[in-house]
Amino acid sequence: MLRKMMLAAFVVAFAGGAAFAQDSCESKAMGKDGKPLAGAAKTSFMKKCMADTCATKAVSADGKPLSGAAKNSFMKKCEKGA
């Protein structure tokens, strides 16, 4: 029972974290002149920002960084916001 609750909390935390990361990346998408980015520049910035945000969260249950297929799967899900 406790294990199921912890797993549910873990899933909710990451799903909410991806949505929050997208909002924070959106607010950071500013050019050097202080104007909001648009078009390809914004797309590129958002992709890099989301990847950086997700990379910091890619850790296993015991606190070690993920690697290989586990990291790739986590990064794909995190960047999609699922």
PDB file of N, CA and C in Angstrom:
ATOM      1  N   MET A   1       0.829  -1.188   0.000  1.00  0.00           N
ATOM      2  CA  MET A   1       0.000   0.000   0.000  1.00  0.00           C
ATOM      3  C   MET A   1       0.877   1.257   0.000  1.00  0.00           C
ATOM      4  N   LEU A   2       1.857   1.284   0.883  1.00  0.00           N
ATOM      5  CA  LEU A   2       2.753   2.439   0.974  1.00  0.00           C
ATOM      6  C   LEU A   2       3.549   2.601  -0.319  1.00  0.00           C
ATOM      7  N   ARG A   3       3.954   1.482  -0.888  1.00  0.00           N
ATOM      8  CA  ARG A   3       4.721   1.521  -2.133  1.00  0.00           C
ATOM      9  C   ARG A   3       3.889   2.143  -3.259  1.00  0.00           C
ATOM     10  N   LYS A   4       2.597   1.805  -3.336  1.00  0.00           N
ATOM     11  CA  LYS A   4       1.721   2.358  -4.360  1.00  0.00           C
ATOM     12  C   LYS A   4       1.535   3.859  -4.169  1.00  0.00           C
ATOM     13  N   MET A   5       1.416   4.283  -2.928  1.00  0.00           N
ATOM     14  CA  MET A   5       1.259   5.710  -2.643  1.00  0.00           C
ATOM     15  C   MET A   5       2.519   6.482  -3.014  1.00  0.00           C
ATOM     16  N   MET A   6       3.674   5.913  -2.720  1.00  0.00           N
ATOM     17  CA  MET A   6       4.943   6.568  -3.058  1.00  0.00           C
ATOM     18  C   MET A   6       5.098   6.653  -4.578  1.00  0.00           C
ATOM     19  N   LEU A   7       4.734   5.602  -5.281  1.00  0.00           N
ATOM     20  CA  LEU A   7       4.823   5.609  -6.737  1.00  0.00           C
ATOM     21  C   LEU A   7       3.887   6.659  -7.327  1.00  0.00           C
ATOM     22  N   ALA A   8       2.689   6.747  -6.798  1.00  0.00           N
ATOM     23  CA  ALA A   8       1.738   7.750  -7.275  1.00  0.00           C
ATOM     24  C   ALA A   8       2.263   9.157  -7.020  1.00  0.00           C
ATOM     25  N   ALA A   9       2.841   9.392  -5.854  1.00  0.00           N
ATOM     26  CA  ALA A   9       3.410  10.712  -5.537  1.00  0.00           C
ATOM     27  C   ALA A   9       4.573  11.033  -6.466  1.00  0.00           C
ATOM     28  N   PHE A  10       5.378  10.041  -6.766  1.00  0.00           N
ATOM     29  CA  PHE A  10       6.518  10.202  -7.666  1.00  0.00           C
ATOM     30  C   PHE A  10       6.055  10.599  -9.068  1.00  0.00           C
ATOM     31  N   VAL A  11       5.046   9.916  -9.578  1.00  0.00           N
ATOM     32  CA  VAL A  11       4.514  10.206 -10.912  1.00  0.00           C
ATOM     33  C   VAL A  11       3.910  11.612 -10.958  1.00  0.00           C
ATOM     34  N   VAL A  12       3.149  11.973  -9.950  1.00  0.00           N
ATOM     35  CA  VAL A  12       2.529  13.301  -9.898  1.00  0.00           C
ATOM     36  C   VAL A  12       3.594  14.386  -9.820  1.00  0.00           C
ATOM     37  N   ALA A  13       4.646  14.144  -9.054  1.00  0.00           N
ATOM     38  CA  ALA A  13       5.711  15.145  -8.910  1.00  0.00           C
ATOM     39  C   ALA A  13       6.383  15.410 -10.240  1.00  0.00           C
ATOM     40  N   PHE A  14       6.676  14.368 -11.002  1.00  0.00           N
ATOM     41  CA  PHE A  14       7.345  14.576 -12.279  1.00  0.00           C
ATOM     42  C   PHE A  14       6.418  15.150 -13.333  1.00  0.00           C
ATOM     43  N   ALA A  15       5.165  14.762 -13.320  1.00  0.00           N
ATOM     44  CA  ALA A  15       4.215  15.325 -14.285  1.00  0.00           C
ATOM     45  C   ALA A  15       4.026  16.810 -14.009  1.00  0.00           C
ATOM     46  N   GLY A  16       3.885  17.164 -12.763  1.00  0.00           N
ATOM     47  CA  GLY A  16       3.749  18.568 -12.389  1.00  0.00           C
ATOM     48  C   GLY A  16       5.026  19.334 -12.638  1.00  0.00           C
ATOM     49  N   GLY A  17       6.168  18.690 -12.432  1.00  0.00           N
ATOM     50  CA  GLY A  17       7.457  19.336 -12.656  1.00  0.00           C
ATOM     51  C   GLY A  17       7.670  19.693 -14.110  1.00  0.00           C
ATOM     52  N   ALA A  18       7.245  18.835 -15.015  1.00  0.00           N
ATOM     53  CA  ALA A  18       7.403  19.117 -16.442  1.00  0.00           C
ATOM     54  C   ALA A  18       6.534  20.298 -16.859  1.00  0.00           C
ATOM     55  N   ALA A  19       5.325  20.353 -16.341  1.00  0.00           N
ATOM     56  CA  ALA A  19       4.449  21.479 -16.661  1.00  0.00           C
ATOM     57  C   ALA A  19       5.013  22.776 -16.099  1.00  0.00           C
ATOM     58  N   PHE A  20       5.537  22.723 -14.875  1.00  0.00           N
ATOM     59  CA  PHE A  20       6.142  23.907 -14.268  1.00  0.00           C
ATOM     60  C   PHE A  20       7.381  24.332 -15.046  1.00  0.00           C
ATOM     61  N   ALA A  21       8.184  23.354 -15.492  1.00  0.00           N
ATOM     62  CA  ALA A  21       9.397  23.665 -16.249  1.00  0.00           C
ATOM     63  C   ALA A  21       9.046  24.364 -17.553  1.00  0.00           C
ATOM     64  N   GLN A  22       7.980  23.933 -18.206  1.00  0.00           N
ATOM     65  CA  GLN A  22       7.586  24.564 -19.457  1.00  0.00           C
ATOM     66  C   GLN A  22       7.179  26.016 -19.213  1.00  0.00           C
ATOM     67  N   ASP A  23       6.448  26.261 -18.129  1.00  0.00           N
ATOM     68  CA  ASP A  23       6.057  27.629 -17.801  1.00  0.00           C
ATOM     69  C   ASP A  23       7.269  28.489 -17.487  1.00  0.00           C
ATOM     70  N   SER A  24       8.229  27.948 -16.734  1.00  0.00           N
ATOM     71  CA  SER A  24       9.402  28.738 -16.383  1.00  0.00           C
ATOM     72  C   SER A  24      10.280  28.960 -17.612  1.00  0.00           C
ATOM     73  N   CYS A  25      10.378  27.986 -18.493  1.00  0.00           N
ATOM     74  CA  CYS A  25      11.149  28.167 -19.724  1.00  0.00           C
ATOM     75  C   CYS A  25      10.489  29.239 -20.600  1.00  0.00           C
ATOM     76  N   GLU A  26       9.172  29.216 -20.632  1.00  0.00           N
ATOM     77  CA  GLU A  26       8.425  30.202 -21.416  1.00  0.00           C
ATOM     78  C   GLU A  26       8.721  31.608 -20.916  1.00  0.00           C
ATOM     79  N   SER A  27       8.788  31.775 -19.609  1.00  0.00           N
ATOM     80  CA  SER A  27       9.043  33.106 -19.052  1.00  0.00           C
ATOM     81  C   SER A  27      10.491  33.543 -19.229  1.00  0.00           C
ATOM     82  N   LYS A  28      11.407  32.592 -19.395  1.00  0.00           N
ATOM     83  CA  LYS A  28      12.829  32.911 -19.593  1.00  0.00           C
ATOM     84  C   LYS A  28      13.167  33.170 -21.056  1.00  0.00           C
ATOM     85  N   ALA A  29      12.262  32.915 -21.975  1.00  0.00           N
ATOM     86  CA  ALA A  29      12.522  33.016 -23.410  1.00  0.00           C
ATOM     87  C   ALA A  29      12.552  34.478 -23.858  1.00  0.00           C
ATOM     88  N   MET A  30      13.602  35.173 -23.455  1.00  0.00           N
ATOM     89  CA  MET A  30      13.780  36.589 -23.797  1.00  0.00           C
ATOM     90  C   MET A  30      15.096  36.777 -24.542  1.00  0.00           C
ATOM     91  N   GLY A  31      15.088  37.692 -25.472  1.00  0.00           N
ATOM     92  CA  GLY A  31      16.302  38.022 -26.196  1.00  0.00           C
ATOM     93  C   GLY A  31      17.196  38.931 -25.371  1.00  0.00           C
ATOM     94  N   LYS A  32      18.382  39.242 -25.893  1.00  0.00           N
ATOM     95  CA  LYS A  32      19.322  40.112 -25.184  1.00  0.00           C
ATOM     96  C   LYS A  32      18.778  41.526 -25.035  1.00  0.00           C
ATOM     97  N   ASP A  33      17.884  41.906 -25.926  1.00  0.00           N
ATOM     98  CA  ASP A  33      17.291  43.240 -25.862  1.00  0.00           C
ATOM     99  C   ASP A  33      16.063  43.301 -24.947  1.00  0.00           C
ATOM    100  N   GLY A  34      15.719  42.176 -24.315  1.00  0.00           N
ATOM    101  CA  GLY A  34      14.598  42.142 -23.385  1.00  0.00           C
ATOM    102  C   GLY A  34      13.256  41.837 -24.022  1.00  0.00           C
ATOM    103  N   LYS A  35      13.251  41.640 -25.328  1.00  0.00           N
ATOM    104  CA  LYS A  35      11.998  41.316 -26.018  1.00  0.00           C
ATOM    105  C   LYS A  35      11.809  39.797 -26.043  1.00  0.00           C
ATOM    106  N   PRO A  36      10.566  39.328 -26.016  1.00  0.00           N
ATOM    107  CA  PRO A  36      10.314  37.881 -26.070  1.00  0.00           C
ATOM    108  C   PRO A  36      10.815  37.275 -27.386  1.00  0.00           C
ATOM    109  N   LEU A  37      11.372  36.067 -27.287  1.00  0.00           N
ATOM    110  CA  LEU A  37      11.815  35.358 -28.483  1.00  0.00           C
ATOM    111  C   LEU A  37      10.598  34.884 -29.280  1.00  0.00           C
ATOM    112  N   ALA A  38      10.796  34.697 -30.578  1.00  0.00           N
ATOM    113  CA  ALA A  38       9.722  34.213 -31.439  1.00  0.00           C
ATOM    114  C   ALA A  38      10.316  33.303 -32.505  1.00  0.00           C
ATOM    115  N   GLY A  39       9.475  32.482 -33.099  1.00  0.00           N
ATOM    116  CA  GLY A  39       9.881  31.639 -34.214  1.00  0.00           C
ATOM    117  C   GLY A  39      10.906  30.584 -33.846  1.00  0.00           C
ATOM    118  N   ALA A  40      11.898  30.414 -34.739  1.00  0.00           N
ATOM    119  CA  ALA A  40      12.910  29.376 -34.568  1.00  0.00           C
ATOM    120  C   ALA A  40      13.764  29.608 -33.324  1.00  0.00           C
ATOM    121  N   ALA A  41      14.036  30.855 -32.991  1.00  0.00           N
ATOM    122  CA  ALA A  41      14.837  31.148 -31.804  1.00  0.00           C
ATOM    123  C   ALA A  41      14.124  30.674 -30.537  1.00  0.00           C
ATOM    124  N   LYS A  42      12.822  30.894 -30.475  1.00  0.00           N
ATOM    125  CA  LYS A  42      12.051  30.463 -29.309  1.00  0.00           C
ATOM    126  C   LYS A  42      11.977  28.941 -29.249  1.00  0.00           C
ATOM    127  N   THR A  43      11.756  28.314 -30.384  1.00  0.00           N
ATOM    128  CA  THR A  43      11.680  26.854 -30.443  1.00  0.00           C
ATOM    129  C   THR A  43      12.983  26.233 -29.964  1.00  0.00           C
ATOM    130  N   SER A  44      14.093  26.747 -30.441  1.00  0.00           N
ATOM    131  CA  SER A  44      15.403  26.245 -30.047  1.00  0.00           C
ATOM    132  C   SER A  44      15.648  26.453 -28.558  1.00  0.00           C
ATOM    133  N   PHE A  45      15.322  27.631 -28.063  1.00  0.00           N
ATOM    134  CA  PHE A  45      15.505  27.927 -26.652  1.00  0.00           C
ATOM    135  C   PHE A  45      14.664  27.006 -25.777  1.00  0.00           C
ATOM    136  N   MET A  46      13.399  26.817 -26.148  1.00  0.00           N
ATOM    137  CA  MET A  46      12.494  25.977 -25.366  1.00  0.00           C
ATOM    138  C   MET A  46      12.990  24.531 -25.316  1.00  0.00           C
ATOM    139  N   LYS A  47      13.478  24.021 -26.448  1.00  0.00           N
ATOM    140  CA  LYS A  47      13.975  22.649 -26.494  1.00  0.00           C
ATOM    141  C   LYS A  47      15.174  22.479 -25.568  1.00  0.00           C
ATOM    142  N   LYS A  48      16.111  23.414 -25.619  1.00  0.00           N
ATOM    143  CA  LYS A  48      17.301  23.339 -24.773  1.00  0.00           C
ATOM    144  C   LYS A  48      16.938  23.517 -23.302  1.00  0.00           C
ATOM    145  N   CYS A  49      16.058  24.440 -23.018  1.00  0.00           N
ATOM    146  CA  CYS A  49      15.650  24.697 -21.634  1.00  0.00           C
ATOM    147  C   CYS A  49      14.968  23.467 -21.030  1.00  0.00           C
ATOM    148  N   MET A  50      14.060  22.852 -21.768  1.00  0.00           N
ATOM    149  CA  MET A  50      13.368  21.658 -21.273  1.00  0.00           C
ATOM    150  C   MET A  50      14.346  20.504 -21.068  1.00  0.00           C
ATOM    151  N   ALA A  51      15.302  20.331 -22.005  1.00  0.00           N
ATOM    152  CA  ALA A  51      16.289  19.257 -21.872  1.00  0.00           C
ATOM    153  C   ALA A  51      17.150  19.480 -20.629  1.00  0.00           C
ATOM    154  N   ASP A  52      17.570  20.713 -20.394  1.00  0.00           N
ATOM    155  CA  ASP A  52      18.381  21.019 -19.220  1.00  0.00           C
ATOM    156  C   ASP A  52      17.602  20.782 -17.927  1.00  0.00           C
ATOM    157  N   THR A  53      16.341  21.189 -17.930  1.00  0.00           N
ATOM    158  CA  THR A  53      15.498  21.022 -16.746  1.00  0.00           C
ATOM    159  C   THR A  53      15.273  19.540 -16.455  1.00  0.00           C
ATOM    160  N   CYS A  54      15.005  18.757 -17.483  1.00  0.00           N
ATOM    161  CA  CYS A  54      14.757  17.327 -17.297  1.00  0.00           C
ATOM    162  C   CYS A  54      16.032  16.578 -16.913  1.00  0.00           C
ATOM    163  N   ALA A  55      17.174  17.007 -17.435  1.00  0.00           N
ATOM    164  CA  ALA A  55      18.431  16.323 -17.143  1.00  0.00           C
ATOM    165  C   ALA A  55      18.764  16.379 -15.656  1.00  0.00           C
ATOM    166  N   THR A  56      18.412  17.459 -15.002  1.00  0.00           N
ATOM    167  CA  THR A  56      18.703  17.568 -13.565  1.00  0.00           C
ATOM    168  C   THR A  56      17.809  16.651 -12.740  1.00  0.00           C
ATOM    169  N   LYS A  57      16.671  16.246 -13.282  1.00  0.00           N
ATOM    170  CA  LYS A  57      15.728  15.377 -12.568  1.00  0.00           C
ATOM    171  C   LYS A  57      15.930  13.898 -12.871  1.00  0.00           C
ATOM    172  N   ALA A  58      16.833  13.561 -13.783  1.00  0.00           N
ATOM    173  CA  ALA A  58      17.020  12.177 -14.225  1.00  0.00           C
ATOM    174  C   ALA A  58      17.870  11.396 -13.222  1.00  0.00           C
ATOM    175  N   VAL A  59      17.271  11.066 -12.089  1.00  0.00           N
ATOM    176  CA  VAL A  59      17.957  10.282 -11.058  1.00  0.00           C
ATOM    177  C   VAL A  59      17.093   9.088 -10.684  1.00  0.00           C
ATOM    178  N   SER A  60      17.750   8.014 -10.265  1.00  0.00           N
ATOM    179  CA  SER A  60      17.025   6.810  -9.871  1.00  0.00           C
ATOM    180  C   SER A  60      16.481   6.975  -8.458  1.00  0.00           C
ATOM    181  N   ALA A  61      15.773   5.974  -8.008  1.00  0.00           N
ATOM    182  CA  ALA A  61      15.160   6.013  -6.673  1.00  0.00           C
ATOM    183  C   ALA A  61      16.213   6.088  -5.571  1.00  0.00           C
ATOM    184  N   ASP A  62      17.412   5.557  -5.834  1.00  0.00           N
ATOM    185  CA  ASP A  62      18.464   5.607  -4.814  1.00  0.00           C
ATOM    186  C   ASP A  62      19.365   6.840  -4.957  1.00  0.00           C
ATOM    187  N   GLY A  63      18.989   7.777  -5.831  1.00  0.00           N
ATOM    188  CA  GLY A  63      19.703   9.045  -5.949  1.00  0.00           C
ATOM    189  C   GLY A  63      20.840   9.064  -6.952  1.00  0.00           C
ATOM    190  N   LYS A  64      21.061   7.981  -7.664  1.00  0.00           N
ATOM    191  CA  LYS A  64      22.134   7.932  -8.653  1.00  0.00           C
ATOM    192  C   LYS A  64      21.612   8.417  -9.998  1.00  0.00           C
ATOM    193  N   PRO A  65      22.457   9.090 -10.786  1.00  0.00           N
ATOM    194  CA  PRO A  65      22.017   9.556 -12.115  1.00  0.00           C
ATOM    195  C   PRO A  65      21.645   8.383 -13.027  1.00  0.00           C
ATOM    196  N   LEU A  66      20.573   8.554 -13.790  1.00  0.00           N
ATOM    197  CA  LEU A  66      20.180   7.530 -14.757  1.00  0.00           C
ATOM    198  C   LEU A  66      21.142   7.537 -15.926  1.00  0.00           C
ATOM    199  N   SER A  67      21.247   6.399 -16.612  1.00  0.00           N
ATOM    200  CA  SER A  67      22.079   6.327 -17.805  1.00  0.00           C
ATOM    201  C   SER A  67      21.466   5.334 -18.783  1.00  0.00           C
ATOM    202  N   GLY A  68      21.906   5.410 -20.015  1.00  0.00           N
ATOM    203  CA  GLY A  68      21.458   4.474 -21.035  1.00  0.00           C
ATOM    204  C   GLY A  68      19.986   4.597 -21.378  1.00  0.00           C
ATOM    205  N   ALA A  69      19.347   3.445 -21.552  1.00  0.00           N
ATOM    206  CA  ALA A  69      17.953   3.393 -21.978  1.00  0.00           C
ATOM    207  C   ALA A  69      17.013   4.017 -20.947  1.00  0.00           C
ATOM    208  N   ALA A  70      17.328   3.854 -19.668  1.00  0.00           N
ATOM    209  CA  ALA A  70      16.480   4.430 -18.624  1.00  0.00           C
ATOM    210  C   ALA A  70      16.481   5.955 -18.724  1.00  0.00           C
ATOM    211  N   LYS A  71      17.653   6.529 -18.954  1.00  0.00           N
ATOM    212  CA  LYS A  71      17.750   7.992 -19.072  1.00  0.00           C
ATOM    213  C   LYS A  71      17.029   8.472 -20.328  1.00  0.00           C
ATOM    214  N   ASN A  72      17.226   7.766 -21.434  1.00  0.00           N
ATOM    215  CA  ASN A  72      16.571   8.150 -22.689  1.00  0.00           C
ATOM    216  C   ASN A  72      15.053   8.124 -22.543  1.00  0.00           C
ATOM    217  N   SER A  73      14.536   7.089 -21.909  1.00  0.00           N
ATOM    218  CA  SER A  73      13.094   6.971 -21.706  1.00  0.00           C
ATOM    219  C   SER A  73      12.589   8.094 -20.804  1.00  0.00           C
ATOM    220  N   PHE A  74      13.297   8.349 -19.716  1.00  0.00           N
ATOM    221  CA  PHE A  74      12.897   9.406 -18.793  1.00  0.00           C
ATOM    222  C   PHE A  74      12.914  10.764 -19.487  1.00  0.00           C
ATOM    223  N   MET A  75      13.969  11.043 -20.234  1.00  0.00           N
ATOM    224  CA  MET A  75      14.098  12.335 -20.906  1.00  0.00           C
ATOM    225  C   MET A  75      12.959  12.538 -21.927  1.00  0.00           C
ATOM    226  N   LYS A  76      12.624  11.492 -22.658  1.00  0.00           N
ATOM    227  CA  LYS A  76      11.570  11.580 -23.657  1.00  0.00           C
ATOM    228  C   LYS A  76      10.233  11.906 -22.995  1.00  0.00           C
ATOM    229  N   LYS A  77       9.925  11.206 -21.902  1.00  0.00           N
ATOM    230  CA  LYS A  77       8.664  11.449 -21.185  1.00  0.00           C
ATOM    231  C   LYS A  77       8.653  12.822 -20.544  1.00  0.00           C
ATOM    232  N   CYS A  78       9.764  13.221 -19.960  1.00  0.00           N
ATOM    233  CA  CYS A  78       9.831  14.503 -19.269  1.00  0.00           C
ATOM    234  C   CYS A  78       9.693  15.670 -20.254  1.00  0.00           C
ATOM    235  N   GLU A  79      10.372  15.602 -21.379  1.00  0.00           N
ATOM    236  CA  GLU A  79      10.315  16.675 -22.356  1.00  0.00           C
ATOM    237  C   GLU A  79       8.936  16.810 -22.991  1.00  0.00           C
ATOM    238  N   LYS A  80       8.217  15.695 -23.104  1.00  0.00           N
ATOM    239  CA  LYS A  80       6.848  15.763 -23.626  1.00  0.00           C
ATOM    240  C   LYS A  80       5.902  16.350 -22.603  1.00  0.00           C
ATOM    241  N   GLY A  81       6.256  16.274 -21.333  1.00  0.00           N
ATOM    242  CA  GLY A  81       5.383  16.769 -20.286  1.00  0.00           C
ATOM    243  C   GLY A  81       4.395  15.738 -19.805  1.00  0.00           C
ATOM    244  N   ALA A  82       4.617  14.483 -20.142  1.00  0.00           N
ATOM    245  CA  ALA A  82       3.699  13.409 -19.742  1.00  0.00           C
ATOM    246  C   ALA A  82       3.990  12.909 -18.359  1.00  0.00           C
TER     247      ALA A  82
END
